[in-house]
Amino acid sequence: CNNCYIIIENVPCLKCDQCGEEFLTASVAD
């Protein structure tokens, strides 16, 4: 964002055990 790199660790997500795709819930995204 605006020439700044932002890393947020330990974000809750849903992860697929087959393909590894990660999804954030709407509340986490907000």
mmCIF file of all heavy atoms, coordinates in Angstrom:
data_MODEL
# 
_entry.id   MODEL 
# 
loop_
_atom_site.group_PDB 
_atom_site.id 
_atom_site.type_symbol 
_atom_site.label_atom_id 
_atom_site.label_alt_id 
_atom_site.label_comp_id 
_atom_site.label_asym_id 
_atom_site.label_entity_id 
_atom_site.label_seq_id 
_atom_site.pdbx_PDB_ins_code 
_atom_site.Cartn_x 
_atom_site.Cartn_y 
_atom_site.Cartn_z 
_atom_site.occupancy 
_atom_site.B_iso_or_equiv 
_atom_site.pdbx_formal_charge 
_atom_site.auth_seq_id 
_atom_site.auth_comp_id 
_atom_site.auth_asym_id 
_atom_site.auth_atom_id 
_atom_site.pdbx_PDB_model_num 
ATOM 1   N N   . CYS A 1 1  ? 0.853   -1.186  0.000  1.00 0.00 ? 1  CYS A N   1 
ATOM 2   C CA  . CYS A 1 1  ? 0.000   0.000   0.000  1.00 0.00 ? 1  CYS A CA  1 
ATOM 3   C C   . CYS A 1 1  ? 0.890   1.237   0.000  1.00 0.00 ? 1  CYS A C   1 
ATOM 4   O O   . CYS A 1 1  ? 1.709   1.407   0.905  1.00 0.00 ? 1  CYS A O   1 
ATOM 5   C CB  . CYS A 1 1  ? -0.894  0.034   1.233  1.00 0.00 ? 1  CYS A CB  1 
ATOM 6   S SG  . CYS A 1 1  ? -2.087  -1.280  1.327  1.00 0.00 ? 1  CYS A SG  1 
ATOM 7   N N   . ASN A 1 2  ? 0.734   2.088   -0.982 1.00 0.00 ? 2  ASN A N   1 
ATOM 8   C CA  . ASN A 1 2  ? 1.472   3.356   -1.033 1.00 0.00 ? 2  ASN A CA  1 
ATOM 9   C C   . ASN A 1 2  ? 2.959   3.194   -0.748 1.00 0.00 ? 2  ASN A C   1 
ATOM 10  O O   . ASN A 1 2  ? 3.507   3.816   0.146  1.00 0.00 ? 2  ASN A O   1 
ATOM 11  C CB  . ASN A 1 2  ? 0.865   4.367   -0.056 1.00 0.00 ? 2  ASN A CB  1 
ATOM 12  C CG  . ASN A 1 2  ? -0.585  4.639   -0.365 1.00 0.00 ? 2  ASN A CG  1 
ATOM 13  O OD1 . ASN A 1 2  ? -1.004  4.586   -1.513 1.00 0.00 ? 2  ASN A OD1 1 
ATOM 14  N ND2 . ASN A 1 2  ? -1.373  4.927   0.649  1.00 0.00 ? 2  ASN A ND2 1 
ATOM 15  N N   . ASN A 1 3  ? 3.625   2.343   -1.504 1.00 0.00 ? 3  ASN A N   1 
ATOM 16  C CA  . ASN A 1 3  ? 5.069   2.105   -1.363 1.00 0.00 ? 3  ASN A CA  1 
ATOM 17  C C   . ASN A 1 3  ? 5.464   1.540   -0.012 1.00 0.00 ? 3  ASN A C   1 
ATOM 18  O O   . ASN A 1 3  ? 6.592   1.703   0.435  1.00 0.00 ? 3  ASN A O   1 
ATOM 19  C CB  . ASN A 1 3  ? 5.861   3.381   -1.650 1.00 0.00 ? 3  ASN A CB  1 
ATOM 20  C CG  . ASN A 1 3  ? 5.653   3.854   -3.071 1.00 0.00 ? 3  ASN A CG  1 
ATOM 21  O OD1 . ASN A 1 3  ? 5.608   3.043   -3.992 1.00 0.00 ? 3  ASN A OD1 1 
ATOM 22  N ND2 . ASN A 1 3  ? 5.514   5.149   -3.259 1.00 0.00 ? 3  ASN A ND2 1 
ATOM 23  N N   . CYS A 1 4  ? 4.541   0.907   0.685  1.00 0.00 ? 4  CYS A N   1 
ATOM 24  C CA  . CYS A 1 4  ? 4.810   0.269   1.971  1.00 0.00 ? 4  CYS A CA  1 
ATOM 25  C C   . CYS A 1 4  ? 4.385   -1.191  1.876  1.00 0.00 ? 4  CYS A C   1 
ATOM 26  O O   . CYS A 1 4  ? 3.308   -1.493  1.372  1.00 0.00 ? 4  CYS A O   1 
ATOM 27  C CB  . CYS A 1 4  ? 4.021   0.972   3.083  1.00 0.00 ? 4  CYS A CB  1 
ATOM 28  S SG  . CYS A 1 4  ? 4.166   0.173   4.676  1.00 0.00 ? 4  CYS A SG  1 
ATOM 29  N N   . TYR A 1 5  ? 5.238   -2.094  2.336  1.00 0.00 ? 5  TYR A N   1 
ATOM 30  C CA  . TYR A 1 5  ? 4.910   -3.515  2.360  1.00 0.00 ? 5  TYR A CA  1 
ATOM 31  C C   . TYR A 1 5  ? 4.352   -3.863  3.726  1.00 0.00 ? 5  TYR A C   1 
ATOM 32  O O   . TYR A 1 5  ? 4.952   -3.539  4.744  1.00 0.00 ? 5  TYR A O   1 
ATOM 33  C CB  . TYR A 1 5  ? 6.156   -4.357  2.071  1.00 0.00 ? 5  TYR A CB  1 
ATOM 34  C CG  . TYR A 1 5  ? 6.706   -4.096  0.696  1.00 0.00 ? 5  TYR A CG  1 
ATOM 35  C CD1 . TYR A 1 5  ? 7.781   -3.238  0.517  1.00 0.00 ? 5  TYR A CD1 1 
ATOM 36  C CD2 . TYR A 1 5  ? 6.131   -4.692  -0.427 1.00 0.00 ? 5  TYR A CD2 1 
ATOM 37  C CE1 . TYR A 1 5  ? 8.278   -2.986  -0.752 1.00 0.00 ? 5  TYR A CE1 1 
ATOM 38  C CE2 . TYR A 1 5  ? 6.624   -4.434  -1.689 1.00 0.00 ? 5  TYR A CE2 1 
ATOM 39  C CZ  . TYR A 1 5  ? 7.699   -3.581  -1.849 1.00 0.00 ? 5  TYR A CZ  1 
ATOM 40  O OH  . TYR A 1 5  ? 8.177   -3.331  -3.094 1.00 0.00 ? 5  TYR A OH  1 
ATOM 41  N N   . ILE A 1 6  ? 3.197   -4.514  3.741  1.00 0.00 ? 6  ILE A N   1 
ATOM 42  C CA  . ILE A 1 6  ? 2.532   -4.851  4.997  1.00 0.00 ? 6  ILE A CA  1 
ATOM 43  C C   . ILE A 1 6  ? 2.361   -6.365  5.063  1.00 0.00 ? 6  ILE A C   1 
ATOM 44  O O   . ILE A 1 6  ? 1.845   -6.979  4.131  1.00 0.00 ? 6  ILE A O   1 
ATOM 45  C CB  . ILE A 1 6  ? 1.164   -4.148  5.106  1.00 0.00 ? 6  ILE A CB  1 
ATOM 46  C CG1 . ILE A 1 6  ? 1.363   -2.627  5.045  1.00 0.00 ? 6  ILE A CG1 1 
ATOM 47  C CG2 . ILE A 1 6  ? 0.449   -4.558  6.386  1.00 0.00 ? 6  ILE A CG2 1 
ATOM 48  C CD1 . ILE A 1 6  ? 0.086   -1.841  4.907  1.00 0.00 ? 6  ILE A CD1 1 
ATOM 49  N N   . ILE A 1 7  ? 2.808   -6.949  6.169  1.00 0.00 ? 7  ILE A N   1 
ATOM 50  C CA  . ILE A 1 7  ? 2.696   -8.388  6.400  1.00 0.00 ? 7  ILE A CA  1 
ATOM 51  C C   . ILE A 1 7  ? 1.913   -8.575  7.692  1.00 0.00 ? 7  ILE A C   1 
ATOM 52  O O   . ILE A 1 7  ? 2.296   -8.045  8.732  1.00 0.00 ? 7  ILE A O   1 
ATOM 53  C CB  . ILE A 1 7  ? 4.088   -9.039  6.522  1.00 0.00 ? 7  ILE A CB  1 
ATOM 54  C CG1 . ILE A 1 7  ? 4.887   -8.808  5.234  1.00 0.00 ? 7  ILE A CG1 1 
ATOM 55  C CG2 . ILE A 1 7  ? 3.945   -10.522 6.838  1.00 0.00 ? 7  ILE A CG2 1 
ATOM 56  C CD1 . ILE A 1 7  ? 6.357   -9.134  5.355  1.00 0.00 ? 7  ILE A CD1 1 
ATOM 57  N N   . ILE A 1 8  ? 0.819   -9.323  7.624  1.00 0.00 ? 8  ILE A N   1 
ATOM 58  C CA  . ILE A 1 8  ? 0.018   -9.619  8.806  1.00 0.00 ? 8  ILE A CA  1 
ATOM 59  C C   . ILE A 1 8  ? 0.090   -11.133 9.019  1.00 0.00 ? 8  ILE A C   1 
ATOM 60  O O   . ILE A 1 8  ? -0.347  -11.909 8.165  1.00 0.00 ? 8  ILE A O   1 
ATOM 61  C CB  . ILE A 1 8  ? -1.448  -9.163  8.645  1.00 0.00 ? 8  ILE A CB  1 
ATOM 62  C CG1 . ILE A 1 8  ? -1.512  -7.681  8.277  1.00 0.00 ? 8  ILE A CG1 1 
ATOM 63  C CG2 . ILE A 1 8  ? -2.227  -9.432  9.937  1.00 0.00 ? 8  ILE A CG2 1 
ATOM 64  C CD1 . ILE A 1 8  ? -2.911  -7.181  7.961  1.00 0.00 ? 8  ILE A CD1 1 
ATOM 65  N N   . GLU A 1 9  ? 0.662   -11.533 10.138 1.00 0.00 ? 9  GLU A N   1 
ATOM 66  C CA  . GLU A 1 9  ? 0.844   -12.948 10.438 1.00 0.00 ? 9  GLU A CA  1 
ATOM 67  C C   . GLU A 1 9  ? -0.329  -13.506 11.234 1.00 0.00 ? 9  GLU A C   1 
ATOM 68  O O   . GLU A 1 9  ? -1.054  -12.759 11.881 1.00 0.00 ? 9  GLU A O   1 
ATOM 69  C CB  . GLU A 1 9  ? 2.134   -13.144 11.230 1.00 0.00 ? 9  GLU A CB  1 
ATOM 70  C CG  . GLU A 1 9  ? 3.371   -12.692 10.473 1.00 0.00 ? 9  GLU A CG  1 
ATOM 71  C CD  . GLU A 1 9  ? 4.632   -12.773 11.298 1.00 0.00 ? 9  GLU A CD  1 
ATOM 72  O OE1 . GLU A 1 9  ? 4.566   -12.586 12.537 1.00 0.00 ? 9  GLU A OE1 1 
ATOM 73  O OE2 . GLU A 1 9  ? 5.701   -13.018 10.700 1.00 0.00 ? 9  GLU A OE2 1 
ATOM 74  N N   . ASN A 1 10 ? -0.494  -14.820 11.190 1.00 0.00 ? 10 ASN A N   1 
ATOM 75  C CA  . ASN A 1 10 ? -1.508  -15.545 11.976 1.00 0.00 ? 10 ASN A CA  1 
ATOM 76  C C   . ASN A 1 10 ? -2.937  -15.124 11.667 1.00 0.00 ? 10 ASN A C   1 
ATOM 77  O O   . ASN A 1 10 ? -3.769  -15.004 12.565 1.00 0.00 ? 10 ASN A O   1 
ATOM 78  C CB  . ASN A 1 10 ? -1.219  -15.415 13.473 1.00 0.00 ? 10 ASN A CB  1 
ATOM 79  C CG  . ASN A 1 10 ? 0.141   -15.957 13.822 1.00 0.00 ? 10 ASN A CG  1 
ATOM 80  O OD1 . ASN A 1 10 ? 0.501   -17.050 13.393 1.00 0.00 ? 10 ASN A OD1 1 
ATOM 81  N ND2 . ASN A 1 10 ? 0.916   -15.194 14.571 1.00 0.00 ? 10 ASN A ND2 1 
ATOM 82  N N   . VAL A 1 11 ? -3.232  -14.899 10.400 1.00 0.00 ? 11 VAL A N   1 
ATOM 83  C CA  . VAL A 1 11 ? -4.582  -14.516 9.972  1.00 0.00 ? 11 VAL A CA  1 
ATOM 84  C C   . VAL A 1 11 ? -5.434  -15.778 9.854  1.00 0.00 ? 11 VAL A C   1 
ATOM 85  O O   . VAL A 1 11 ? -5.053  -16.722 9.153  1.00 0.00 ? 11 VAL A O   1 
ATOM 86  C CB  . VAL A 1 11 ? -4.530  -13.785 8.608  1.00 0.00 ? 11 VAL A CB  1 
ATOM 87  C CG1 . VAL A 1 11 ? -5.933  -13.463 8.115  1.00 0.00 ? 11 VAL A CG1 1 
ATOM 88  C CG2 . VAL A 1 11 ? -3.680  -12.530 8.704  1.00 0.00 ? 11 VAL A CG2 1 
ATOM 89  N N   . PRO A 1 12 ? -6.583  -15.836 10.514 1.00 0.00 ? 12 PRO A N   1 
ATOM 90  C CA  . PRO A 1 12 ? -7.456  -17.011 10.403 1.00 0.00 ? 12 PRO A CA  1 
ATOM 91  C C   . PRO A 1 12 ? -7.975  -17.160 8.972  1.00 0.00 ? 12 PRO A C   1 
ATOM 92  O O   . PRO A 1 12 ? -8.329  -16.173 8.329  1.00 0.00 ? 12 PRO A O   1 
ATOM 93  C CB  . PRO A 1 12 ? -8.620  -16.702 11.351 1.00 0.00 ? 12 PRO A CB  1 
ATOM 94  C CG  . PRO A 1 12 ? -8.224  -15.524 12.145 1.00 0.00 ? 12 PRO A CG  1 
ATOM 95  C CD  . PRO A 1 12 ? -7.133  -14.825 11.423 1.00 0.00 ? 12 PRO A CD  1 
ATOM 96  N N   . CYS A 1 13 ? -7.985  -18.391 8.481  1.00 0.00 ? 13 CYS A N   1 
ATOM 97  C CA  . CYS A 1 13 ? -8.471  -18.651 7.128  1.00 0.00 ? 13 CYS A CA  1 
ATOM 98  C C   . CYS A 1 13 ? -9.049  -20.056 7.062  1.00 0.00 ? 13 CYS A C   1 
ATOM 99  O O   . CYS A 1 13 ? -8.936  -20.833 8.004  1.00 0.00 ? 13 CYS A O   1 
ATOM 100 C CB  . CYS A 1 13 ? -7.348  -18.498 6.106  1.00 0.00 ? 13 CYS A CB  1 
ATOM 101 S SG  . CYS A 1 13 ? -6.106  -19.807 6.164  1.00 0.00 ? 13 CYS A SG  1 
ATOM 102 N N   . LEU A 1 14 ? -9.658  -20.362 5.941  1.00 0.00 ? 14 LEU A N   1 
ATOM 103 C CA  . LEU A 1 14 ? -10.082 -21.718 5.617  1.00 0.00 ? 14 LEU A CA  1 
ATOM 104 C C   . LEU A 1 14 ? -9.142  -22.198 4.523  1.00 0.00 ? 14 LEU A C   1 
ATOM 105 O O   . LEU A 1 14 ? -8.942  -21.500 3.519  1.00 0.00 ? 14 LEU A O   1 
ATOM 106 C CB  . LEU A 1 14 ? -11.521 -21.743 5.126  1.00 0.00 ? 14 LEU A CB  1 
ATOM 107 C CG  . LEU A 1 14 ? -12.569 -21.317 6.145  1.00 0.00 ? 14 LEU A CG  1 
ATOM 108 C CD1 . LEU A 1 14 ? -13.942 -21.216 5.469  1.00 0.00 ? 14 LEU A CD1 1 
ATOM 109 C CD2 . LEU A 1 14 ? -12.618 -22.308 7.287  1.00 0.00 ? 14 LEU A CD2 1 
ATOM 110 N N   . LYS A 1 15 ? -8.533  -23.372 4.712  1.00 0.00 ? 15 LYS A N   1 
ATOM 111 C CA  . LYS A 1 15 ? -7.556  -23.879 3.754  1.00 0.00 ? 15 LYS A CA  1 
ATOM 112 C C   . LYS A 1 15 ? -7.984  -25.260 3.262  1.00 0.00 ? 15 LYS A C   1 
ATOM 113 O O   . LYS A 1 15 ? -8.358  -26.129 4.049  1.00 0.00 ? 15 LYS A O   1 
ATOM 114 C CB  . LYS A 1 15 ? -6.177  -23.960 4.393  1.00 0.00 ? 15 LYS A CB  1 
ATOM 115 C CG  . LYS A 1 15 ? -5.084  -24.334 3.429  1.00 0.00 ? 15 LYS A CG  1 
ATOM 116 C CD  . LYS A 1 15 ? -3.712  -24.196 4.062  1.00 0.00 ? 15 LYS A CD  1 
ATOM 117 C CE  . LYS A 1 15 ? -2.626  -24.485 3.055  1.00 0.00 ? 15 LYS A CE  1 
ATOM 118 N NZ  . LYS A 1 15 ? -1.296  -24.249 3.616  1.00 0.00 ? 15 LYS A NZ  1 
ATOM 119 N N   . CYS A 1 16 ? -7.895  -25.449 1.959  1.00 0.00 ? 16 CYS A N   1 
ATOM 120 C CA  . CYS A 1 16 ? -8.261  -26.711 1.336  1.00 0.00 ? 16 CYS A CA  1 
ATOM 121 C C   . CYS A 1 16 ? -7.167  -27.744 1.565  1.00 0.00 ? 16 CYS A C   1 
ATOM 122 O O   . CYS A 1 16 ? -5.987  -27.478 1.314  1.00 0.00 ? 16 CYS A O   1 
ATOM 123 C CB  . CYS A 1 16 ? -8.484  -26.510 -0.164 1.00 0.00 ? 16 CYS A CB  1 
ATOM 124 S SG  . CYS A 1 16 ? -8.855  -28.038 -1.045 1.00 0.00 ? 16 CYS A SG  1 
ATOM 125 N N   . ASP A 1 17 ? -7.571  -28.947 2.006  1.00 0.00 ? 17 ASP A N   1 
ATOM 126 C CA  . ASP A 1 17 ? -6.586  -30.006 2.234  1.00 0.00 ? 17 ASP A CA  1 
ATOM 127 C C   . ASP A 1 17 ? -6.156  -30.683 0.930  1.00 0.00 ? 17 ASP A C   1 
ATOM 128 O O   . ASP A 1 17 ? -5.194  -31.442 0.909  1.00 0.00 ? 17 ASP A O   1 
ATOM 129 C CB  . ASP A 1 17 ? -7.111  -31.040 3.228  1.00 0.00 ? 17 ASP A CB  1 
ATOM 130 C CG  . ASP A 1 17 ? -8.376  -31.754 2.777  1.00 0.00 ? 17 ASP A CG  1 
ATOM 131 O OD1 . ASP A 1 17 ? -8.815  -31.563 1.620  1.00 0.00 ? 17 ASP A OD1 1 
ATOM 132 O OD2 . ASP A 1 17 ? -8.940  -32.496 3.594  1.00 0.00 ? 17 ASP A OD2 1 
ATOM 133 N N   . GLN A 1 18 ? -6.830  -30.379 -0.171 1.00 0.00 ? 18 GLN A N   1 
ATOM 134 C CA  . GLN A 1 18 ? -6.492  -30.971 -1.468 1.00 0.00 ? 18 GLN A CA  1 
ATOM 135 C C   . GLN A 1 18 ? -5.574  -30.060 -2.289 1.00 0.00 ? 18 GLN A C   1 
ATOM 136 O O   . GLN A 1 18 ? -4.501  -30.458 -2.682 1.00 0.00 ? 18 GLN A O   1 
ATOM 137 C CB  . GLN A 1 18 ? -7.773  -31.263 -2.255 1.00 0.00 ? 18 GLN A CB  1 
ATOM 138 C CG  . GLN A 1 18 ? -7.565  -31.887 -3.611 1.00 0.00 ? 18 GLN A CG  1 
ATOM 139 C CD  . GLN A 1 18 ? -7.121  -33.339 -3.516 1.00 0.00 ? 18 GLN A CD  1 
ATOM 140 O OE1 . GLN A 1 18 ? -7.442  -34.020 -2.559 1.00 0.00 ? 18 GLN A OE1 1 
ATOM 141 N NE2 . GLN A 1 18 ? -6.386  -33.791 -4.506 1.00 0.00 ? 18 GLN A NE2 1 
ATOM 142 N N   . CYS A 1 19 ? -6.013  -28.820 -2.531 1.00 0.00 ? 19 CYS A N   1 
ATOM 143 C CA  . CYS A 1 19 ? -5.261  -27.922 -3.416 1.00 0.00 ? 19 CYS A CA  1 
ATOM 144 C C   . CYS A 1 19 ? -4.493  -26.831 -2.672 1.00 0.00 ? 19 CYS A C   1 
ATOM 145 O O   . CYS A 1 19 ? -3.679  -26.141 -3.268 1.00 0.00 ? 19 CYS A O   1 
ATOM 146 C CB  . CYS A 1 19 ? -6.186  -27.296 -4.455 1.00 0.00 ? 19 CYS A CB  1 
ATOM 147 S SG  . CYS A 1 19 ? -7.366  -26.093 -3.802 1.00 0.00 ? 19 CYS A SG  1 
ATOM 148 N N   . GLY A 1 20 ? -4.796  -26.640 -1.385 1.00 0.00 ? 20 GLY A N   1 
ATOM 149 C CA  . GLY A 1 20 ? -4.080  -25.634 -0.603 1.00 0.00 ? 20 GLY A CA  1 
ATOM 150 C C   . GLY A 1 20 ? -4.623  -24.223 -0.725 1.00 0.00 ? 20 GLY A C   1 
ATOM 151 O O   . GLY A 1 20 ? -4.081  -23.288 -0.144 1.00 0.00 ? 20 GLY A O   1 
ATOM 152 N N   . GLU A 1 21 ? -5.697  -24.045 -1.495 1.00 0.00 ? 21 GLU A N   1 
ATOM 153 C CA  . GLU A 1 21 ? -6.299  -22.724 -1.652 1.00 0.00 ? 21 GLU A CA  1 
ATOM 154 C C   . GLU A 1 21 ? -6.763  -22.198 -0.295 1.00 0.00 ? 21 GLU A C   1 
ATOM 155 O O   . GLU A 1 21 ? -7.299  -22.946 0.523  1.00 0.00 ? 21 GLU A O   1 
ATOM 156 C CB  . GLU A 1 21 ? -7.473  -22.793 -2.620 1.00 0.00 ? 21 GLU A CB  1 
ATOM 157 C CG  . GLU A 1 21 ? -8.064  -21.459 -2.986 1.00 0.00 ? 21 GLU A CG  1 
ATOM 158 C CD  . GLU A 1 21 ? -7.147  -20.629 -3.872 1.00 0.00 ? 21 GLU A CD  1 
ATOM 159 O OE1 . GLU A 1 21 ? -6.372  -21.194 -4.656 1.00 0.00 ? 21 GLU A OE1 1 
ATOM 160 O OE2 . GLU A 1 21 ? -7.223  -19.390 -3.773 1.00 0.00 ? 21 GLU A OE2 1 
ATOM 161 N N   . GLU A 1 22 ? -6.555  -20.901 -0.060 1.00 0.00 ? 22 GLU A N   1 
ATOM 162 C CA  . GLU A 1 22 ? -6.941  -20.275 1.214  1.00 0.00 ? 22 GLU A CA  1 
ATOM 163 C C   . GLU A 1 22 ? -8.037  -19.251 0.958  1.00 0.00 ? 22 GLU A C   1 
ATOM 164 O O   . GLU A 1 22 ? -7.987  -18.511 -0.025 1.00 0.00 ? 22 GLU A O   1 
ATOM 165 C CB  . GLU A 1 22 ? -5.735  -19.590 1.852  1.00 0.00 ? 22 GLU A CB  1 
ATOM 166 C CG  . GLU A 1 22 ? -4.635  -20.559 2.218  1.00 0.00 ? 22 GLU A CG  1 
ATOM 167 C CD  . GLU A 1 22 ? -3.374  -19.878 2.714  1.00 0.00 ? 22 GLU A CD  1 
ATOM 168 O OE1 . GLU A 1 22 ? -3.189  -18.670 2.455  1.00 0.00 ? 22 GLU A OE1 1 
ATOM 169 O OE2 . GLU A 1 22 ? -2.568  -20.567 3.340  1.00 0.00 ? 22 GLU A OE2 1 
ATOM 170 N N   . PHE A 1 23 ? -9.010  -19.218 1.855  1.00 0.00 ? 23 PHE A N   1 
ATOM 171 C CA  . PHE A 1 23 ? -10.109 -18.268 1.772  1.00 0.00 ? 23 PHE A CA  1 
ATOM 172 C C   . PHE A 1 23 ? -10.248 -17.542 3.099  1.00 0.00 ? 23 PHE A C   1 
ATOM 173 O O   . PHE A 1 23 ? -10.145 -18.157 4.158  1.00 0.00 ? 23 PHE A O   1 
ATOM 174 C CB  . PHE A 1 23 ? -11.432 -18.985 1.455  1.00 0.00 ? 23 PHE A CB  1 
ATOM 175 C CG  . PHE A 1 23 ? -11.443 -19.655 0.119  1.00 0.00 ? 23 PHE A CG  1 
ATOM 176 C CD1 . PHE A 1 23 ? -11.085 -20.987 -0.006 1.00 0.00 ? 23 PHE A CD1 1 
ATOM 177 C CD2 . PHE A 1 23 ? -11.814 -18.955 -1.021 1.00 0.00 ? 23 PHE A CD2 1 
ATOM 178 C CE1 . PHE A 1 23 ? -11.090 -21.614 -1.238 1.00 0.00 ? 23 PHE A CE1 1 
ATOM 179 C CE2 . PHE A 1 23 ? -11.818 -19.580 -2.261 1.00 0.00 ? 23 PHE A CE2 1 
ATOM 180 C CZ  . PHE A 1 23 ? -11.459 -20.916 -2.365 1.00 0.00 ? 23 PHE A CZ  1 
ATOM 181 N N   . LEU A 1 24 ? -10.511 -16.234 3.035  1.00 0.00 ? 24 LEU A N   1 
ATOM 182 C CA  . LEU A 1 24 ? -10.772 -15.434 4.226  1.00 0.00 ? 24 LEU A CA  1 
ATOM 183 C C   . LEU A 1 24 ? -12.271 -15.242 4.356  1.00 0.00 ? 24 LEU A C   1 
ATOM 184 O O   . LEU A 1 24 ? -12.963 -15.012 3.356  1.00 0.00 ? 24 LEU A O   1 
ATOM 185 C CB  . LEU A 1 24 ? -10.088 -14.071 4.119  1.00 0.00 ? 24 LEU A CB  1 
ATOM 186 C CG  . LEU A 1 24 ? -8.575  -14.073 3.938  1.00 0.00 ? 24 LEU A CG  1 
ATOM 187 C CD1 . LEU A 1 24 ? -8.069  -12.644 3.806  1.00 0.00 ? 24 LEU A CD1 1 
ATOM 188 C CD2 . LEU A 1 24 ? -7.884  -14.777 5.080  1.00 0.00 ? 24 LEU A CD2 1 
ATOM 189 N N   . THR A 1 25 ? -12.774 -15.315 5.587  1.00 0.00 ? 25 THR A N   1 
ATOM 190 C CA  . THR A 1 25 ? -14.186 -15.023 5.800  1.00 0.00 ? 25 THR A CA  1 
ATOM 191 C C   . THR A 1 25 ? -14.404 -13.521 5.656  1.00 0.00 ? 25 THR A C   1 
ATOM 192 O O   . THR A 1 25 ? -13.454 -12.733 5.712  1.00 0.00 ? 25 THR A O   1 
ATOM 193 C CB  . THR A 1 25 ? -14.643 -15.476 7.199  1.00 0.00 ? 25 THR A CB  1 
ATOM 194 O OG1 . THR A 1 25 ? -13.924 -14.738 8.178  1.00 0.00 ? 25 THR A OG1 1 
ATOM 195 C CG2 . THR A 1 25 ? -14.437 -16.976 7.396  1.00 0.00 ? 25 THR A CG2 1 
ATOM 196 N N   . ALA A 1 26 ? -15.653 -13.128 5.477  1.00 0.00 ? 26 ALA A N   1 
ATOM 197 C CA  . ALA A 1 26 ? -15.967 -11.710 5.311  1.00 0.00 ? 26 ALA A CA  1 
ATOM 198 C C   . ALA A 1 26 ? -15.568 -10.909 6.547  1.00 0.00 ? 26 ALA A C   1 
ATOM 199 O O   . ALA A 1 26 ? -15.051 -9.794  6.424  1.00 0.00 ? 26 ALA A O   1 
ATOM 200 C CB  . ALA A 1 26 ? -17.454 -11.531 5.021  1.00 0.00 ? 26 ALA A CB  1 
ATOM 201 N N   . SER A 1 27 ? -15.764 -11.475 7.736  1.00 0.00 ? 27 SER A N   1 
ATOM 202 C CA  . SER A 1 27 ? -15.420 -10.728 8.956  1.00 0.00 ? 27 SER A CA  1 
ATOM 203 C C   . SER A 1 27 ? -13.914 -10.532 9.075  1.00 0.00 ? 27 SER A C   1 
ATOM 204 O O   . SER A 1 27 ? -13.456 -9.463  9.481  1.00 0.00 ? 27 SER A O   1 
ATOM 205 C CB  . SER A 1 27 ? -15.973 -11.431 10.201 1.00 0.00 ? 27 SER A CB  1 
ATOM 206 O OG  . SER A 1 27 ? -15.392 -12.708 10.346 1.00 0.00 ? 27 SER A OG  1 
ATOM 207 N N   . VAL A 1 28 ? -13.120 -11.546 8.703  1.00 0.00 ? 28 VAL A N   1 
ATOM 208 C CA  . VAL A 1 28 ? -11.664 -11.407 8.739  1.00 0.00 ? 28 VAL A CA  1 
ATOM 209 C C   . VAL A 1 28 ? -11.216 -10.379 7.701  1.00 0.00 ? 28 VAL A C   1 
ATOM 210 O O   . VAL A 1 28 ? -10.372 -9.526  7.980  1.00 0.00 ? 28 VAL A O   1 
ATOM 211 C CB  . VAL A 1 28 ? -10.971 -12.766 8.510  1.00 0.00 ? 28 VAL A CB  1 
ATOM 212 C CG1 . VAL A 1 28 ? -9.481  -12.602 8.292  1.00 0.00 ? 28 VAL A CG1 1 
ATOM 213 C CG2 . VAL A 1 28 ? -11.226 -13.696 9.694  1.00 0.00 ? 28 VAL A CG2 1 
ATOM 214 N N   . ALA A 1 29 ? -11.795 -10.428 6.504  1.00 0.00 ? 29 ALA A N   1 
ATOM 215 C CA  . ALA A 1 29 ? -11.448 -9.458  5.456  1.00 0.00 ? 29 ALA A CA  1 
ATOM 216 C C   . ALA A 1 29 ? -11.784 -8.037  5.895  1.00 0.00 ? 29 ALA A C   1 
ATOM 217 O O   . ALA A 1 29 ? -10.999 -7.107  5.646  1.00 0.00 ? 29 ALA A O   1 
ATOM 218 C CB  . ALA A 1 29 ? -12.172 -9.806  4.161  1.00 0.00 ? 29 ALA A CB  1 
ATOM 219 N N   . ASP A 1 30 ? -12.916 -7.847  6.573  1.00 0.00 ? 30 ASP A N   1 
ATOM 220 C CA  . ASP A 1 30 ? -13.288 -6.524  7.079  1.00 0.00 ? 30 ASP A CA  1 
ATOM 221 C C   . ASP A 1 30 ? -12.286 -6.035  8.123  1.00 0.00 ? 30 ASP A C   1 
ATOM 222 O O   . ASP A 1 30 ? -11.902 -4.863  8.123  1.00 0.00 ? 30 ASP A O   1 
ATOM 223 C CB  . ASP A 1 30 ? -14.688 -6.543  7.691  1.00 0.00 ? 30 ASP A CB  1 
ATOM 224 C CG  . ASP A 1 30 ? -15.781 -6.650  6.645  1.00 0.00 ? 30 ASP A CG  1 
ATOM 225 O OD1 . ASP A 1 30 ? -15.492 -6.381  5.446  1.00 0.00 ? 30 ASP A OD1 1 
ATOM 226 O OD2 . ASP A 1 30 ? -16.923 -7.002  7.008  1.00 0.00 ? 30 ASP A OD2 1 
# 
